[in-house]
Amino acid sequence: MKAVMIIYNQAHSSVVMEILDNCSVRGFTKWVDVQGRGSVKGEPHYGTHAWPSKNMATLAVVPEESVTPLIKELKEANNAAKDQGMRAFVWEAESVI
């Protein structure tokens, strides 16, 4: 199993949910009002008057064969709206109950 953490501008929320559905990812945990700043050039997402946008984060644990199509769709969504910002990280999920 693999853990996929997706961090994205709140504007991508429905897009990310649609991608999870398209890739048959049923189980996930979602955090709203996540603050952060892009590592390369993105504007801060602090939910403040000066920086009003916010991020969200979604964590899904999926079978290894689901990772490639999921990441492919996330990359396509990110490329379609680069200014909104999205990152995805994948690592081993060693123990699942």
Protein backbone atom coordinates (compact mmCIF):
# COMPACT_ATOMS: atom_id res chain seq x y z
CA MET A 1 0.00 0.00 0.00
CA LYS A 2 1.03 3.58 -0.64
CA ALA A 3 0.09 6.78 1.17
CA VAL A 4 -0.63 9.72 -1.14
CA MET A 5 -0.73 13.19 0.44
CA ILE A 6 -2.22 15.86 -1.83
CA ILE A 7 -1.89 19.51 -0.79
CA TYR A 8 -3.75 22.03 -2.91
CA ASN A 9 -5.38 25.44 -3.08
CA GLN A 10 -8.99 25.32 -1.89
CA ALA A 11 -10.04 26.23 -5.44
CA HIS A 12 -8.98 22.69 -6.47
CA SER A 13 -11.23 20.94 -3.91
CA SER A 14 -13.89 19.69 -6.33
CA VAL A 15 -11.21 18.78 -8.89
CA VAL A 16 -9.33 16.64 -6.36
CA MET A 17 -12.56 14.92 -5.26
CA GLU A 18 -13.41 14.18 -8.90
CA ILE A 19 -9.94 12.74 -9.50
CA LEU A 20 -10.27 10.48 -6.45
CA ASP A 21 -13.62 9.26 -7.80
CA ASN A 22 -12.17 8.73 -11.31
CA CYS A 23 -9.35 6.66 -9.83
CA SER A 24 -11.72 4.64 -7.60
CA VAL A 25 -10.14 6.00 -4.42
CA ARG A 26 -12.96 5.73 -1.91
CA GLY A 27 -11.23 6.20 1.44
CA PHE A 28 -9.41 9.39 2.35
CA THR A 29 -8.94 11.95 5.11
CA LYS A 30 -9.29 15.64 4.25
CA TRP A 31 -8.06 18.65 6.18
CA VAL A 32 -9.42 22.13 5.43
CA ASP A 33 -7.85 25.49 6.29
CA VAL A 34 -4.27 24.29 5.84
CA GLN A 35 -1.74 27.10 5.71
CA GLY A 36 1.45 27.12 3.69
CA ARG A 37 3.59 28.63 1.00
CA GLY A 38 4.90 27.15 -2.24
CA SER A 39 8.48 25.92 -2.24
CA VAL A 40 9.35 27.47 -5.59
CA LYS A 41 7.37 30.62 -6.36
CA GLY A 42 3.82 30.30 -5.06
CA GLU A 43 2.12 32.98 -3.00
CA PRO A 44 1.43 32.22 0.67
CA HIS A 45 -1.91 30.64 1.55
CA TYR A 46 -2.46 31.89 5.11
CA GLY A 47 -6.18 32.69 5.19
CA THR A 48 -5.38 36.24 6.33
CA HIS A 49 -6.42 39.65 5.04
CA ALA A 50 -3.07 40.04 3.23
CA TRP A 51 -2.94 36.43 1.97
CA PRO A 52 -6.59 35.27 1.91
CA SER A 53 -6.39 32.00 0.00
CA LYS A 54 -6.23 28.71 1.89
CA ASN A 55 -4.94 25.24 1.20
CA MET A 56 -6.50 21.87 1.82
CA ALA A 57 -4.83 18.50 2.24
CA THR A 58 -6.10 15.01 1.47
CA LEU A 59 -4.44 11.76 2.50
CA ALA A 60 -5.41 8.49 0.84
CA VAL A 61 -3.90 5.04 1.29
CA VAL A 62 -4.16 3.15 -1.98
CA PRO A 63 -2.88 -0.03 -3.62
CA GLU A 64 0.43 0.47 -5.38
CA GLU A 65 -1.16 0.01 -8.83
CA SER A 66 -3.45 3.00 -8.17
CA VAL A 67 -0.61 5.47 -7.66
CA THR A 68 0.42 6.01 -11.30
CA PRO A 69 -3.05 6.87 -12.66
CA LEU A 70 -3.79 9.03 -9.60
CA ILE A 71 -0.57 11.04 -9.92
CA LYS A 72 -1.12 11.37 -13.69
CA GLU A 73 -4.55 12.95 -13.20
CA LEU A 74 -3.27 15.21 -10.41
CA LYS A 75 -0.43 16.43 -12.66
CA GLU A 76 -2.90 17.20 -15.43
CA ALA A 77 -5.10 19.19 -13.04
CA ASN A 78 -2.09 21.08 -11.71
CA ASN A 79 -0.85 21.88 -15.22
CA ALA A 80 -4.29 23.23 -16.14
CA ALA A 81 -4.18 25.76 -13.27
CA LYS A 82 -0.56 26.19 -12.19
CA ASP A 83 -1.21 29.45 -10.34
CA GLN A 84 -3.53 27.68 -7.89
CA GLY A 85 -0.82 25.30 -6.73
CA MET A 86 -0.88 21.58 -5.99
CA ARG A 87 1.65 19.08 -4.67
CA ALA A 88 1.38 15.33 -4.13
CA PHE A 89 3.73 13.11 -2.16
CA VAL A 90 3.83 9.31 -2.10
CA TRP A 91 5.37 7.08 0.52
CA GLU A 92 5.05 3.55 1.89
CA ALA A 93 2.10 2.72 4.15
CA GLU A 94 3.64 -0.15 6.05
CA SER A 95 0.89 -0.95 8.53
CA VAL A 96 -2.79 -0.63 7.71
CA ILE A 97 -5.61 -1.80 9.97
